[in-house]
Protein backbone atom coordinates (compact mmCIF):
# COMPACT_ATOMS: atom_id res chain seq x y z
CA MET A 1 58.15 108.65 -26.16
CA SER A 2 56.82 108.06 -22.66
CA ARG A 3 53.23 108.86 -21.76
CA THR A 4 52.23 109.58 -18.20
CA THR A 5 49.10 107.91 -16.92
CA SER A 6 47.58 109.08 -13.65
CA THR A 7 46.37 106.63 -11.05
CA SER A 8 43.51 106.84 -8.65
CA THR A 9 44.22 108.63 -5.38
CA SER A 10 42.23 106.09 -3.40
CA THR A 11 44.01 104.07 -0.75
CA SER A 12 45.45 100.83 -2.07
CA THR A 13 44.22 97.54 -0.68
CA SER A 14 46.50 95.25 -2.59
CA ASN A 15 49.48 95.22 -0.25
CA SER A 16 49.96 96.35 3.29
CA THR A 17 53.66 97.12 2.72
CA SER A 18 54.52 100.82 2.47
CA THR A 19 55.29 102.10 -1.01
CA SER A 20 58.11 104.31 0.22
CA ILE A 21 60.89 102.67 -1.78
CA SER A 22 64.41 103.12 -0.50
CA LYS A 23 67.70 102.50 -2.28
CA THR A 24 68.24 99.53 0.03
CA ALA A 25 64.87 98.02 -0.84
CA LEU A 26 65.49 98.08 -4.56
CA GLY A 27 69.19 97.41 -4.55
CA SER A 28 70.30 95.30 -1.63
CA ALA A 29 67.36 93.94 0.33
CA PRO A 30 68.08 90.65 2.15
CA MET A 31 67.51 87.65 -0.07
CA PRO A 32 65.86 84.37 0.90
CA THR A 33 68.43 81.70 1.65
CA THR A 34 66.64 78.73 0.14
CA ALA A 35 68.78 76.55 -2.12
CA SER A 36 66.87 77.47 -5.28
CA GLN A 37 67.58 81.18 -4.79
CA THR A 38 71.19 81.32 -3.56
CA TRP A 39 72.31 82.12 -7.12
CA ALA A 40 70.49 85.49 -7.17
CA SER A 41 72.64 88.61 -6.83
CA ALA A 42 71.69 91.14 -4.16
CA LEU A 43 74.35 93.76 -4.93
CA PRO A 44 73.14 97.40 -4.90
CA PRO A 45 73.14 99.20 -8.26
CA PRO A 46 75.85 101.81 -8.97
CA THR A 47 74.83 105.23 -7.67
CA PHE A 48 75.22 108.71 -9.16
CA GLN A 49 74.16 112.14 -7.92
CA PHE A 50 71.67 114.22 -9.91
CA LYS A 51 73.41 117.33 -11.26
CA GLY A 52 70.95 118.33 -13.96
CA ILE A 53 69.36 116.91 -17.08
CA SER A 54 72.38 117.63 -19.29
CA ASP A 55 74.64 115.67 -16.94
CA LEU A 56 72.10 112.84 -16.80
CA ASN A 57 71.99 112.68 -20.59
CA LYS A 58 75.79 112.38 -20.76
CA LEU A 59 75.54 109.48 -18.33
CA LEU A 60 72.88 107.79 -20.44
CA ILE A 61 74.85 107.94 -23.68
CA SER A 62 78.18 106.88 -22.15
CA ASP A 63 79.38 103.40 -23.10
CA SER A 64 80.70 102.91 -19.57
CA THR A 65 77.34 103.45 -17.87
CA PRO A 66 75.91 100.24 -16.37
CA GLU A 67 72.57 98.81 -17.47
CA PHE A 68 70.93 99.40 -14.09
CA PHE A 69 71.82 102.32 -11.82
CA THR A 70 70.47 104.81 -9.30
CA ILE A 71 70.28 108.60 -9.44
CA GLU A 72 70.08 110.18 -5.98
CA ASN A 73 68.80 113.58 -4.81
CA VAL A 74 66.06 113.78 -7.46
CA SER A 75 63.30 116.06 -6.17
CA THR A 76 59.75 115.88 -7.50
CA GLN A 77 60.48 119.04 -9.51
CA ASP A 78 63.60 117.41 -10.94
CA PHE A 79 61.61 114.30 -11.80
CA ALA A 80 58.96 116.37 -13.61
CA GLY A 81 61.71 118.04 -15.61
CA ILE A 82 63.27 114.71 -16.54
CA GLU A 83 59.92 113.37 -17.72
CA LEU A 84 59.29 116.49 -19.80
CA ALA A 85 62.70 116.05 -21.42
CA ARG A 86 61.81 112.43 -22.21
CA GLU A 87 58.49 113.42 -23.77
CA LYS A 88 60.19 116.08 -25.90
CA CYS A 89 62.96 113.61 -26.90
CA ARG A 90 65.59 115.93 -25.42
CA ILE A 91 67.26 113.13 -23.52
CA GLN A 92 68.48 109.64 -24.38
CA LYS A 93 65.79 107.00 -23.96
CA PHE A 94 65.77 104.88 -20.82
CA ARG A 95 63.32 102.77 -18.85
CA LEU A 96 61.97 104.29 -15.66
CA THR A 97 62.30 101.33 -13.31
CA LEU A 98 61.04 103.29 -10.33
CA TYR A 99 61.05 106.76 -8.80
CA SER A 100 60.48 107.40 -5.10
CA ALA A 101 59.84 110.97 -3.93
CA ASP A 102 60.40 109.95 -0.31
CA SER A 103 63.97 108.74 -0.88
CA LYS A 104 64.58 111.05 -3.89
CA CYS A 105 65.91 108.04 -5.77
CA LEU A 106 65.42 107.40 -9.48
CA PHE A 107 66.18 103.82 -10.59
CA ILE A 108 67.03 103.61 -14.29
CA THR A 109 67.41 100.70 -16.67
CA ILE A 110 69.13 100.96 -20.04
CA PRO A 111 67.74 97.83 -21.73
CA THR A 112 70.20 95.41 -23.30
CA GLY A 113 69.58 92.42 -25.56
CA PRO A 114 69.32 89.84 -22.75
CA HIS A 115 67.05 92.13 -20.73
CA GLU A 116 64.68 92.70 -23.65
CA ARG A 117 64.49 89.03 -24.57
CA LEU A 118 63.76 88.01 -20.98
CA HIS A 119 60.43 89.83 -21.02
CA GLY A 120 59.85 90.35 -24.74
CA HIS A 121 59.70 86.70 -25.77
CA LEU A 122 57.21 85.95 -22.98
CA ASP A 123 55.10 88.86 -24.20
CA ASP A 124 55.35 87.55 -27.78
CA GLY A 125 54.17 84.16 -26.54
CA ILE A 126 51.10 85.72 -24.96
CA PHE A 127 50.27 87.47 -28.22
CA ARG A 128 50.52 84.24 -30.21
CA GLU A 129 48.16 82.53 -27.77
CA ILE A 130 45.49 85.24 -27.89
CA VAL A 131 45.66 85.41 -31.70
CA GLY A 132 44.63 81.76 -31.72
CA MET A 133 41.63 82.70 -29.58
CA GLY A 134 40.52 85.43 -31.98
CA LEU A 135 41.46 88.20 -29.50
CA THR A 136 44.20 89.90 -31.49
CA HIS A 137 42.93 93.43 -30.84
CA ASP A 138 41.85 93.03 -27.23
CA LEU A 139 44.81 92.36 -24.93
CA ILE A 140 47.06 95.14 -26.24
CA ARG A 141 50.50 96.31 -25.17
CA ALA A 142 50.66 99.17 -22.69
CA GLY A 143 53.82 100.52 -24.33
CA ALA A 144 56.06 103.06 -22.59
CA THR A 145 53.38 104.14 -20.13
CA ILE A 146 54.37 105.63 -16.77
CA TYR A 147 52.08 104.90 -13.86
CA GLN A 148 52.13 107.13 -10.81
CA LYS A 149 50.89 107.22 -7.27
CA TRP A 150 49.95 110.67 -6.03
CA ASN A 151 50.33 112.01 -2.48
CA SER A 152 47.63 113.90 -0.57
CA THR A 153 48.63 117.24 -2.13
CA GLY A 154 48.53 115.96 -5.71
CA GLY A 155 52.28 115.53 -6.09
CA THR A 156 54.14 112.46 -7.27
CA GLU A 157 54.76 109.93 -4.49
CA SER A 158 56.18 107.22 -6.75
CA ALA A 159 56.24 106.33 -10.43
CA GLY A 160 57.37 103.51 -12.67
CA GLU A 161 56.89 101.68 -15.96
CA GLY A 162 56.95 97.99 -16.78
CA ASP A 163 59.17 96.11 -19.18
CA SER A 164 56.07 94.57 -20.80
CA ALA A 165 52.42 95.05 -19.90
CA ARG A 166 49.04 94.22 -21.45
CA ILE A 167 45.59 95.81 -21.10
CA PRO A 168 42.22 94.27 -22.10
CA LEU A 169 40.52 96.97 -24.19
CA SER A 170 37.09 95.34 -23.89
CA THR A 171 37.02 95.78 -20.11
CA ARG A 172 39.53 98.64 -19.61
CA PRO A 173 39.11 101.06 -22.53
CA LEU A 174 40.35 104.26 -20.85
CA PRO A 175 43.92 105.60 -21.21
CA SER A 176 44.12 105.92 -17.42
CA ASN A 177 43.34 102.23 -16.85
CA PHE A 178 45.97 99.91 -15.45
CA PRO A 179 47.10 96.77 -17.27
CA THR A 180 46.08 93.39 -15.91
CA LEU A 181 49.49 91.85 -16.58
CA VAL A 182 53.02 93.21 -16.09
CA ILE A 183 56.32 91.45 -16.88
CA GLU A 184 59.53 92.64 -15.22
CA ALA A 185 62.95 91.40 -16.33
CA GLY A 186 66.25 91.31 -14.48
CA PHE A 187 69.63 90.95 -16.15
CA SER A 188 71.61 93.37 -14.01
CA GLN A 189 68.86 93.84 -11.42
CA SER A 190 68.72 91.62 -8.35
CA LEU A 191 65.81 89.30 -7.73
CA SER A 192 65.06 91.24 -4.55
CA SER A 193 64.61 94.44 -6.58
CA LEU A 194 62.21 92.67 -8.96
CA ARG A 195 60.15 91.43 -6.03
CA GLN A 196 59.99 94.92 -4.58
CA LYS A 197 58.77 96.20 -7.94
CA ALA A 198 56.07 93.50 -8.07
CA LYS A 199 54.75 94.61 -4.69
CA TRP A 200 54.80 98.22 -5.85
CA TRP A 201 52.66 97.34 -8.89
CA PHE A 202 49.94 95.76 -6.76
CA ASP A 203 49.96 98.68 -4.36
CA VAL A 204 49.99 101.53 -6.88
CA SER A 205 47.20 99.93 -8.92
CA GLY A 206 44.97 99.31 -5.93
CA GLY A 207 44.74 95.67 -6.99
CA ASP A 208 43.85 96.42 -10.62
CA ILE A 209 46.96 94.58 -11.79
CA LYS A 210 46.21 90.88 -11.47
CA ILE A 211 49.48 89.15 -12.41
CA VAL A 212 53.13 90.19 -12.31
CA ILE A 213 55.71 87.89 -13.91
CA LEU A 214 59.35 88.25 -12.88
CA ALA A 215 62.13 86.90 -15.11
CA LYS A 216 65.65 86.88 -13.70
CA LEU A 217 68.72 85.60 -15.56
CA ASP A 218 71.84 84.63 -13.62
CA GLN A 219 74.91 84.09 -15.77
CA GLN A 220 77.04 82.50 -13.08
CA SER A 221 74.53 79.77 -12.26
CA GLN A 222 73.21 79.64 -15.84
CA ILE A 223 69.63 79.72 -14.59
CA ILE A 224 66.57 81.66 -15.72
CA HIS A 225 64.27 82.05 -12.75
CA LEU A 226 60.60 82.93 -13.25
CA GLU A 227 58.12 83.96 -10.58
CA LYS A 228 54.37 84.52 -10.89
CA TRP A 229 52.94 87.01 -8.37
CA LYS A 230 49.29 87.68 -7.58
CA ALA A 231 47.30 89.57 -4.97
CA ILE A 232 45.68 86.90 -2.84
CA GLN A 233 42.67 87.42 -0.58
CA LEU A 234 43.60 85.73 2.68
CA PRO A 235 40.93 84.45 5.09
CA PRO A 236 40.67 86.44 8.37
CA SER A 237 42.54 85.03 11.33
CA ALA A 238 40.55 82.96 13.77
CA GLY A 239 39.34 84.97 16.76
CA VAL A 240 39.72 88.38 15.12
CA THR A 241 36.49 90.33 14.91
CA THR A 242 35.66 91.95 11.58
CA ARG A 243 35.27 95.35 13.25
CA THR A 244 38.92 95.71 14.21
CA ARG A 245 41.63 97.35 12.14
CA ALA A 246 43.61 94.13 12.32
CA ALA A 247 40.78 92.27 10.67
CA THR A 248 40.48 94.89 7.94
CA ALA A 249 44.19 94.67 7.19
CA ALA A 250 44.11 90.89 7.23
CA ALA A 251 41.20 90.86 4.78
CA ALA A 252 42.99 93.08 2.25
CA PRO A 253 44.57 91.25 -0.71
CA GLN A 254 48.25 90.55 -0.13
CA SER A 255 50.89 90.14 -2.85
CA HIS A 256 52.29 86.63 -2.96
CA CYS A 257 54.52 84.58 -5.23
CA VAL A 258 52.24 81.73 -6.31
CA GLN A 259 54.60 79.91 -8.69
CA THR A 260 58.34 79.63 -9.29
CA ILE A 261 60.05 78.09 -12.30
CA ASP A 262 63.75 77.43 -12.82
CA ILE A 263 65.14 76.88 -16.32
CA SER A 264 68.61 75.38 -16.06
CA ARG A 265 71.03 73.85 -18.53
CA THR A 266 71.31 70.09 -18.83
CA PRO A 267 74.46 68.85 -17.02
CA GLY A 268 77.42 68.97 -19.38
CA ILE A 269 76.11 71.89 -21.47
CA ASN A 270 78.47 74.85 -21.11
CA ASP A 271 79.04 78.19 -22.85
CA THR A 272 81.02 76.61 -25.67
CA ASP A 273 78.73 73.66 -26.36
CA PRO A 274 77.29 73.91 -29.92
CA ASN A 275 73.90 72.71 -28.56
CA ARG A 276 73.63 75.37 -25.85
CA PHE A 277 70.89 77.23 -27.72
CA ASP A 278 68.75 74.17 -28.39
CA GLY A 279 65.61 73.87 -26.31
CA ALA A 280 66.47 70.26 -25.48
CA SER A 281 69.55 71.53 -23.62
CA TYR A 282 67.39 72.97 -20.84
CA VAL A 283 65.57 71.43 -17.89
CA ILE A 284 62.36 72.95 -16.52
CA THR A 285 61.54 72.77 -12.81
CA GLY A 286 58.12 74.01 -11.71
CA GLY A 287 56.47 74.42 -15.16
CA PRO A 288 54.31 74.96 -17.07
CA LEU A 289 53.50 78.65 -16.53
CA GLN A 290 49.76 79.35 -16.54
CA LEU A 291 48.13 82.80 -16.84
CA GLU A 292 44.44 82.69 -15.99
CA PHE A 293 42.09 84.08 -18.65
CA MET A 294 39.90 85.71 -15.98
CA ASP A 295 42.88 87.66 -14.65
CA LEU A 296 43.98 88.79 -18.10
CA PHE A 297 40.60 89.78 -19.56
CA LEU A 298 38.47 90.31 -16.41
CA ARG A 299 35.74 87.99 -17.71
CA LYS A 300 35.07 84.30 -18.09
CA PRO A 301 36.42 82.63 -21.25
CA ILE A 302 34.13 81.61 -24.08
CA PRO A 303 35.53 78.59 -25.98
CA PRO A 304 37.93 78.44 -27.73
CA GLU A 305 39.14 81.08 -25.27
CA ALA A 306 41.19 79.62 -22.43
CA ASP A 307 44.04 80.28 -20.03
CA VAL A 308 47.40 81.18 -21.56
CA VAL A 309 49.75 78.28 -20.83
CA PHE A 310 53.48 78.30 -21.51
CA SER A 311 54.39 74.64 -21.90
CA GLU A 312 57.73 73.21 -20.83
CA GLU A 313 58.66 72.98 -24.51
CA PHE A 314 57.98 76.71 -24.96
CA LEU A 315 60.03 77.54 -21.86
CA GLN A 316 62.93 75.45 -23.18
CA GLU A 317 62.90 77.31 -26.50
CA TYR A 318 62.53 80.59 -24.62
CA ALA A 319 65.71 79.84 -22.67
CA GLY A 320 67.68 79.16 -25.85
CA ILE A 321 66.49 82.45 -27.37
CA VAL A 322 67.43 84.43 -24.26
CA TRP A 323 70.89 82.89 -23.96
CA ARG A 324 71.64 83.73 -27.62
CA ALA A 325 71.64 87.39 -26.60
CA VAL A 326 74.09 86.97 -23.73
């Protein structure tokens, strides 16, 4: 059952980009044309019109419904009704990828095996690392928590939930607190939509979220692409006085991708190769993946506490586990 968590109404400083999310932004935004990213799909998700909760439920339980799709013409009142139906278990479960009151678009994910393994095994890896540090009961899962941004009149401006997220209880004990880490997966979703979601997380949390990990699987290119995003405090531009609005905007933390990792199959390994699920059948470019302890727990580590590091060996095994579900 989903649980709604309210956010602060203060102005976000984590990203200067507007949080008005359009269908184009989440479904078909222009993709970078660098060689390492040409494999990523930028096709818009299938679109349906909102005709009521009963009709939506039929769509959710249909075997022909795609994993990732858009519902249009969803007012804030409609959205509140959908969320109430979810809480009362009167509608088939789904993951609220994002809702935008401005565009009246509700982006829905029906998680599949590959989707769940893309984020779930990374989350499991984090748990194993913190158990070894004696922090089993600190960095806990956020679960099916919906985070919202409110408008000036107290209505919903946007809302969403993560695929995986973790909160440090020792420094953020309240139910309304944001996680410090969010993981978003993309099996049917485009990489551009995942990036838009990462920026939304930094904005809606006012910078409280420290790390967003994106995991995108592309079947055609047989690549798992990981991105680590953080809100980075950029130095003010030379010659800009600190009293100007431009200087204030420049000083605000900006969301940036700080690391990319590609996990590809060794040449000669195809979909029928008996070794295709072995970790040794994968090549890591850009690893290892490091999650800073300070960002996760909001305090300095005390040995044996340390950063969470996903080695290249872990990432190879991770790839084999994900591809088993495809």
